[in-house]
Amino acid sequence: MTTLNLSSMAHGLNYLPEYVARGNGIFAANGIEVPDTQHDPWDGIMHALADGTADVALGGVWVPAMYSGRSRLPSKDFVAIAQLNDRFPMCIVTRERVDNFELSWLRDRTILVPGQGGTAPAEFTRGLMREAGLDPWQTRFAHDLSMPMLYDLFVGGLGDAFLTDLVTALELQRAGLGHLAYLHAERGGRMPNSVYYVLRERLDELTPALVPFVKSIDQAMQQLREGTVADLNGLFAAEWPTADPSTLLAATELLIKHGVWNTARVDRAALERWTGILHTAGLTVSQVKYDDIIDTRAMLE
């Protein structure tokens, strides 16, 4: 059994295929063991790669993109080897019901956008607004704060909308505290949101273990899409013991329906669309290309 040490920036439902692969024995069947350490704050995943306590990190592809080409930072030369999300898994909740919601509705309004865990929620939403011909700066983005804090503030009356995960959105809707208005996965197109990445200098060493790892993730995705995961409720109870399993199931079905777990292979056009959004936002010196930060050897054909 080969051990591949994983370091993750969060624990969320959009990571479900990994939990299926671990909890239902798919990793083990493919000859690997994948212990996971979660980090708070999230940037501990980079330190774990640098000091060798982790072989692989799970997080946003914007991290490899922003560090790409920084020759003075060899300990942060990251390469993504597969994706866990093919679309952005979050959504917009409005305080009042909005029929036929469009992003233009946000003009001159305030949206609360968690940012403590990374730049994707705000910047991808702004990118979608630009693609729709809108000026995102006509919307007030309240961000750089944690999800729990913004949740409390939204429930307490701050803001017109809240960008959050699907489980929280469904909980708010069922409690009569908000309305699910916009799913990024449904309407925002393909986007490699969460990826697995490694240090470039370790690619050759790790690839023999990364191949069965990515195969396992792909098999777990397939089981979720086909509805063949054994004891999904048991997995929910193990991973989120205090959550309502019916809400978790409803959110899972939406993530499946809208293609979040369609493939572990990073799509070239989707990656460069996202790095283009990051470049427009001033987060890279030049637009990062697919071959700069993606290695395909472990991805399934």
Protein backbone atom coordinates (compact mmCIF):
# COMPACT_ATOMS: atom_id res chain seq x y z
CA MET A 1 0.00 0.00 0.00
CA THR A 2 1.44 3.37 -1.07
CA THR A 3 0.82 6.36 1.19
CA LEU A 4 0.08 9.74 -0.38
CA ASN A 5 -0.19 12.50 2.23
CA LEU A 6 -2.83 15.09 1.43
CA SER A 7 -3.18 18.62 2.80
CA SER A 8 -6.56 20.35 2.37
CA MET A 9 -7.64 23.95 2.76
CA ALA A 10 -11.20 23.12 3.87
CA HIS A 11 -13.82 20.45 4.46
CA GLY A 12 -16.88 20.86 2.26
CA LEU A 13 -19.54 19.02 0.33
CA ASN A 14 -17.93 19.99 -2.98
CA TYR A 15 -15.04 17.68 -1.91
CA LEU A 16 -17.44 14.71 -1.59
CA PRO A 17 -15.79 12.46 -4.25
CA GLU A 18 -12.62 12.38 -2.16
CA TYR A 19 -14.57 11.35 0.94
CA VAL A 20 -16.33 8.65 -1.08
CA ALA A 21 -12.98 7.37 -2.36
CA ARG A 22 -11.57 7.22 1.16
CA GLY A 23 -14.64 6.09 3.11
CA ASN A 24 -15.85 3.49 0.61
CA GLY A 25 -12.48 1.84 0.03
CA ILE A 26 -11.79 3.08 -3.52
CA PHE A 27 -8.34 4.40 -2.61
CA ALA A 28 -7.52 1.10 -0.88
CA ALA A 29 -8.76 -0.94 -3.86
CA ASN A 30 -6.33 0.99 -6.06
CA GLY A 31 -3.41 0.33 -3.71
CA ILE A 32 -3.09 3.69 -2.00
CA GLU A 33 -3.73 5.21 1.40
CA VAL A 34 -4.53 8.96 1.46
CA PRO A 35 -4.50 10.47 4.95
CA ASP A 36 -5.73 14.07 4.98
CA THR A 37 -4.75 17.02 7.17
CA GLN A 38 -6.96 20.10 7.05
CA HIS A 39 -5.48 23.54 7.67
CA ASP A 40 -6.91 26.67 9.24
CA PRO A 41 -5.75 29.14 8.07
CA TRP A 42 -5.78 27.57 4.64
CA ASP A 43 -2.26 28.62 3.59
CA GLY A 44 -0.87 25.89 5.81
CA ILE A 45 -1.26 23.61 2.80
CA MET A 46 1.57 25.44 1.06
CA HIS A 47 3.83 25.15 4.09
CA ALA A 48 3.05 21.43 4.29
CA LEU A 49 4.15 20.94 0.69
CA ALA A 50 7.30 22.96 1.31
CA ASP A 51 8.38 21.00 4.41
CA GLY A 52 7.44 17.62 2.95
CA THR A 53 4.72 16.72 5.46
CA ALA A 54 2.29 16.70 2.52
CA ASP A 55 2.75 15.29 -0.96
CA VAL A 56 -0.40 16.79 -2.49
CA ALA A 57 -2.49 19.87 -1.69
CA LEU A 58 -6.19 20.40 -2.36
CA GLY A 59 -7.27 23.97 -2.97
CA GLY A 60 -7.98 26.62 -5.55
CA VAL A 61 -6.08 26.59 -8.84
CA TRP A 62 -5.64 30.33 -8.38
CA VAL A 63 -2.75 29.50 -6.00
CA PRO A 64 -0.59 27.78 -8.66
CA ALA A 65 -1.64 30.52 -11.10
CA MET A 66 -0.58 33.41 -8.86
CA TYR A 67 2.77 31.80 -8.06
CA SER A 68 3.46 30.76 -11.66
CA GLY A 69 6.73 32.11 -13.01
CA ARG A 70 8.02 33.30 -9.65
CA SER A 71 11.55 31.90 -10.04
CA ARG A 72 12.62 33.39 -6.72
CA LEU A 73 10.08 31.19 -4.91
CA PRO A 74 11.00 27.59 -5.85
CA SER A 75 9.18 26.25 -2.78
CA LYS A 76 5.95 27.59 -4.29
CA ASP A 77 6.30 26.35 -7.87
CA PHE A 78 3.04 24.41 -7.95
CA VAL A 79 1.57 22.20 -10.66
CA ALA A 80 -2.02 20.90 -10.70
CA ILE A 81 -2.44 17.21 -11.56
CA ALA A 82 -6.25 16.85 -11.47
CA GLN A 83 -9.41 18.69 -10.50
CA LEU A 84 -12.09 17.87 -7.96
CA ASN A 85 -14.61 20.46 -9.21
CA ASP A 86 -15.34 21.15 -12.87
CA ARG A 87 -17.62 24.06 -11.97
CA PHE A 88 -17.83 26.62 -9.20
CA PRO A 89 -20.02 25.04 -6.48
CA MET A 90 -21.34 28.11 -4.67
CA CYS A 91 -24.50 30.15 -5.17
CA ILE A 92 -26.20 33.46 -4.48
CA VAL A 93 -28.96 33.76 -1.90
CA THR A 94 -31.15 36.88 -1.96
CA ARG A 95 -32.95 38.21 1.08
CA GLU A 96 -36.23 38.51 -0.79
CA ARG A 97 -37.40 36.26 -3.58
CA VAL A 98 -36.23 37.50 -6.99
CA ASP A 99 -37.94 35.94 -10.01
CA ASN A 100 -35.79 35.55 -13.15
CA PHE A 101 -32.66 36.63 -11.29
CA GLU A 102 -29.79 38.01 -13.37
CA LEU A 103 -26.45 39.29 -12.14
CA SER A 104 -27.53 42.78 -13.17
CA TRP A 105 -29.89 42.70 -10.18
CA LEU A 106 -26.81 43.19 -7.97
CA ARG A 107 -26.15 46.67 -9.36
CA ASP A 108 -26.22 49.27 -6.54
CA ARG A 109 -26.77 46.50 -4.00
CA THR A 110 -24.56 44.80 -1.40
CA ILE A 111 -23.52 41.15 -1.62
CA LEU A 112 -21.69 39.42 1.22
CA VAL A 113 -18.91 37.24 -0.20
CA PRO A 114 -16.70 35.07 2.06
CA GLY A 115 -13.04 35.63 1.34
CA GLN A 116 -11.10 34.30 4.29
CA GLY A 117 -10.49 31.04 2.44
CA GLY A 118 -9.44 32.50 -0.89
CA THR A 119 -10.12 34.79 -3.79
CA ALA A 120 -12.36 32.64 -6.00
CA PRO A 121 -15.84 33.55 -4.69
CA ALA A 122 -15.46 37.28 -5.26
CA GLU A 123 -13.27 37.22 -8.36
CA PHE A 124 -15.16 34.53 -10.26
CA THR A 125 -18.44 36.33 -9.59
CA ARG A 126 -16.93 39.61 -10.78
CA GLY A 127 -15.61 37.78 -13.85
CA LEU A 128 -19.10 36.49 -14.66
CA MET A 129 -20.42 40.01 -14.33
CA ARG A 130 -17.82 41.33 -16.76
CA GLU A 131 -18.67 38.54 -19.22
CA ALA A 132 -22.30 39.69 -19.01
CA GLY A 133 -21.29 43.24 -19.86
CA LEU A 134 -21.71 44.51 -16.31
CA ASP A 135 -19.41 46.67 -14.22
CA PRO A 136 -18.79 44.76 -10.98
CA TRP A 137 -17.71 47.92 -9.22
CA GLN A 138 -21.32 49.11 -9.37
CA THR A 139 -22.01 46.37 -6.81
CA ARG A 140 -20.79 46.56 -3.21
CA PHE A 141 -18.83 43.39 -2.40
CA ALA A 142 -18.39 42.88 1.35
CA HIS A 143 -15.64 40.27 1.56
CA ASP A 144 -12.33 39.26 3.22
CA LEU A 145 -14.34 37.87 6.14
CA SER A 146 -15.23 34.33 7.16
CA MET A 147 -18.33 32.44 6.08
CA PRO A 148 -19.70 32.09 9.67
CA MET A 149 -19.31 35.82 10.32
CA LEU A 150 -21.02 36.83 7.07
CA TYR A 151 -23.75 34.25 7.70
CA ASP A 152 -24.50 35.85 11.06
CA LEU A 153 -24.49 39.32 9.54
CA PHE A 154 -26.78 38.31 6.67
CA VAL A 155 -29.27 36.70 9.06
CA GLY A 156 -28.99 39.82 11.19
CA GLY A 157 -30.00 42.05 8.29
CA LEU A 158 -26.78 43.11 6.52
CA GLY A 159 -26.67 43.01 2.73
CA ASP A 160 -29.09 42.28 -0.08
CA ALA A 161 -27.50 38.97 -1.10
CA PHE A 162 -25.10 36.35 0.25
CA LEU A 163 -22.71 34.19 -1.77
CA THR A 164 -22.47 30.86 0.01
CA ASP A 165 -22.30 27.09 -0.34
CA LEU A 166 -25.36 25.11 -1.38
CA VAL A 167 -25.92 23.47 2.01
CA THR A 168 -26.06 26.85 3.75
CA ALA A 169 -28.26 28.25 0.97
CA LEU A 170 -30.79 25.44 1.32
CA GLU A 171 -30.78 25.79 5.10
CA LEU A 172 -31.49 29.52 4.80
CA GLN A 173 -34.26 28.90 2.31
CA ARG A 174 -35.92 26.22 4.44
CA ALA A 175 -35.78 28.55 7.45
CA GLY A 176 -37.43 31.35 5.45
CA LEU A 177 -34.33 33.54 5.78
CA GLY A 178 -33.34 33.72 2.11
CA HIS A 179 -34.01 32.50 -1.40
CA LEU A 180 -31.69 30.54 -3.69
CA ALA A 181 -31.45 32.82 -6.71
CA TYR A 182 -28.38 31.84 -8.75
CA LEU A 183 -26.24 28.69 -8.96
CA HIS A 184 -22.81 29.36 -10.41
CA ALA A 185 -22.51 25.70 -11.48
CA GLU A 186 -25.73 25.94 -13.46
CA ARG A 187 -25.20 29.29 -15.13
CA GLY A 188 -21.53 30.17 -14.82
CA GLY A 189 -19.97 27.62 -17.17
CA ARG A 190 -16.99 25.35 -16.60
CA MET A 191 -14.35 26.43 -14.10
CA PRO A 192 -11.70 24.23 -12.38
CA ASN A 193 -12.53 25.42 -8.88
CA SER A 194 -10.71 22.96 -6.61
CA VAL A 195 -7.65 21.09 -7.83
CA TYR A 196 -4.95 18.80 -6.51
CA TYR A 197 -1.46 20.27 -6.87
CA VAL A 198 2.11 19.33 -6.03
CA LEU A 199 5.55 20.91 -6.07
CA ARG A 200 6.95 20.79 -9.60
CA GLU A 201 10.24 19.38 -8.35
CA ARG A 202 8.41 16.28 -7.02
CA LEU A 203 6.30 15.50 -10.12
CA ASP A 204 8.45 12.64 -11.41
CA GLU A 205 8.74 11.09 -7.95
CA LEU A 206 5.00 11.29 -7.20
CA THR A 207 3.41 10.45 -10.57
CA PRO A 208 3.35 6.63 -10.00
CA ALA A 209 1.17 7.24 -6.92
CA LEU A 210 -0.79 10.11 -8.46
CA VAL A 211 -2.11 7.88 -11.27
CA PRO A 212 -4.11 5.55 -8.97
CA PHE A 213 -5.07 8.55 -6.85
CA VAL A 214 -6.71 10.36 -9.77
CA LYS A 215 -8.24 7.09 -10.96
CA SER A 216 -9.86 6.72 -7.53
CA ILE A 217 -11.26 10.26 -7.60
CA ASP A 218 -12.68 9.66 -11.06
CA GLN A 219 -14.30 6.40 -9.96
CA ALA A 220 -15.88 8.14 -6.96
CA MET A 221 -17.24 10.87 -9.23
CA GLN A 222 -18.71 8.24 -11.50
CA GLN A 223 -20.39 6.48 -8.58
CA LEU A 224 -21.93 9.76 -7.44
CA ARG A 225 -23.20 10.57 -10.93
CA GLU A 226 -24.67 7.08 -11.32
CA GLY A 227 -26.16 6.99 -7.83
CA THR A 228 -24.26 3.83 -6.89
CA VAL A 229 -22.43 5.05 -3.78
CA ALA A 230 -22.96 2.54 -0.99
CA ASP A 231 -24.44 4.06 2.19
CA LEU A 232 -24.28 7.74 1.26
CA ASN A 233 -26.22 8.61 4.42
CA GLY A 234 -23.60 6.82 6.48
CA LEU A 235 -20.90 8.88 4.79
CA PHE A 236 -22.86 12.07 5.50
CA ALA A 237 -23.14 11.09 9.16
CA ALA A 238 -19.39 10.45 9.37
CA GLU A 239 -18.34 13.67 7.67
CA TRP A 240 -21.07 16.06 8.90
CA PRO A 241 -22.61 14.50 12.02
CA THR A 242 -24.64 17.58 12.99
CA ALA A 243 -26.03 18.38 9.52
CA ASP A 244 -29.46 17.46 8.20
CA PRO A 245 -28.91 14.52 5.81
CA SER A 246 -31.87 15.56 3.63
CA THR A 247 -30.26 18.97 3.07
CA LEU A 248 -26.92 17.34 2.28
CA LEU A 249 -28.62 15.01 -0.19
CA ALA A 250 -30.50 17.86 -1.89
CA ALA A 251 -27.26 19.84 -2.26
CA THR A 252 -25.43 16.76 -3.55
CA GLU A 253 -28.10 16.21 -6.19
CA LEU A 254 -27.76 19.81 -7.38
CA LEU A 255 -23.96 19.52 -7.60
CA ILE A 256 -24.32 16.34 -9.64
CA LYS A 257 -27.05 17.78 -11.86
CA HIS A 258 -25.01 20.84 -12.75
CA GLY A 259 -21.76 19.05 -13.54
CA VAL A 260 -19.49 19.87 -10.61
CA TRP A 261 -18.13 16.28 -10.61
CA ASN A 262 -18.16 15.51 -14.34
CA THR A 263 -14.43 14.81 -14.71
CA ALA A 264 -11.08 14.87 -12.92
CA ARG A 265 -9.39 16.16 -16.09
CA VAL A 266 -8.71 19.91 -16.18
CA ASP A 267 -10.12 21.44 -19.35
CA ARG A 268 -7.78 23.79 -21.21
CA ALA A 269 -10.40 26.37 -22.22
CA ALA A 270 -11.98 26.42 -18.76
CA LEU A 271 -8.61 26.83 -17.05
CA GLU A 272 -7.53 29.69 -19.30
CA ARG A 273 -10.90 31.39 -18.95
CA TRP A 274 -10.40 31.39 -15.16
CA THR A 275 -6.78 32.54 -15.33
CA GLY A 276 -7.94 35.28 -17.70
CA ILE A 277 -10.41 36.45 -15.04
CA LEU A 278 -7.61 36.40 -12.47
CA HIS A 279 -5.35 38.43 -14.77
CA THR A 280 -8.06 41.02 -15.42
CA ALA A 281 -8.41 41.32 -11.65
CA GLY A 282 -4.69 42.12 -11.36
CA LEU A 283 -3.78 38.88 -9.58
CA THR A 284 -1.21 37.73 -12.15
CA VAL A 285 1.44 39.68 -14.08
CA SER A 286 0.37 38.04 -17.34
CA GLN A 287 -2.31 35.50 -18.16
CA VAL A 288 -1.21 32.06 -17.02
CA LYS A 289 -1.54 29.36 -19.69
CA TYR A 290 -2.63 25.75 -19.26
CA ASP A 291 0.80 24.26 -19.79
CA ASP A 292 2.31 26.61 -17.20
CA ILE A 293 0.50 25.02 -14.26
CA ILE A 294 -1.13 21.76 -15.43
CA ASP A 295 0.54 18.35 -15.74
CA THR A 296 -1.65 15.74 -17.46
CA ARG A 297 0.26 12.53 -16.71
CA ALA A 298 -2.03 11.44 -13.87
CA MET A 299 -5.28 12.46 -15.54
CA LEU A 300 -7.49 9.87 -17.17
CA GLU A 301 -7.94 9.92 -20.90
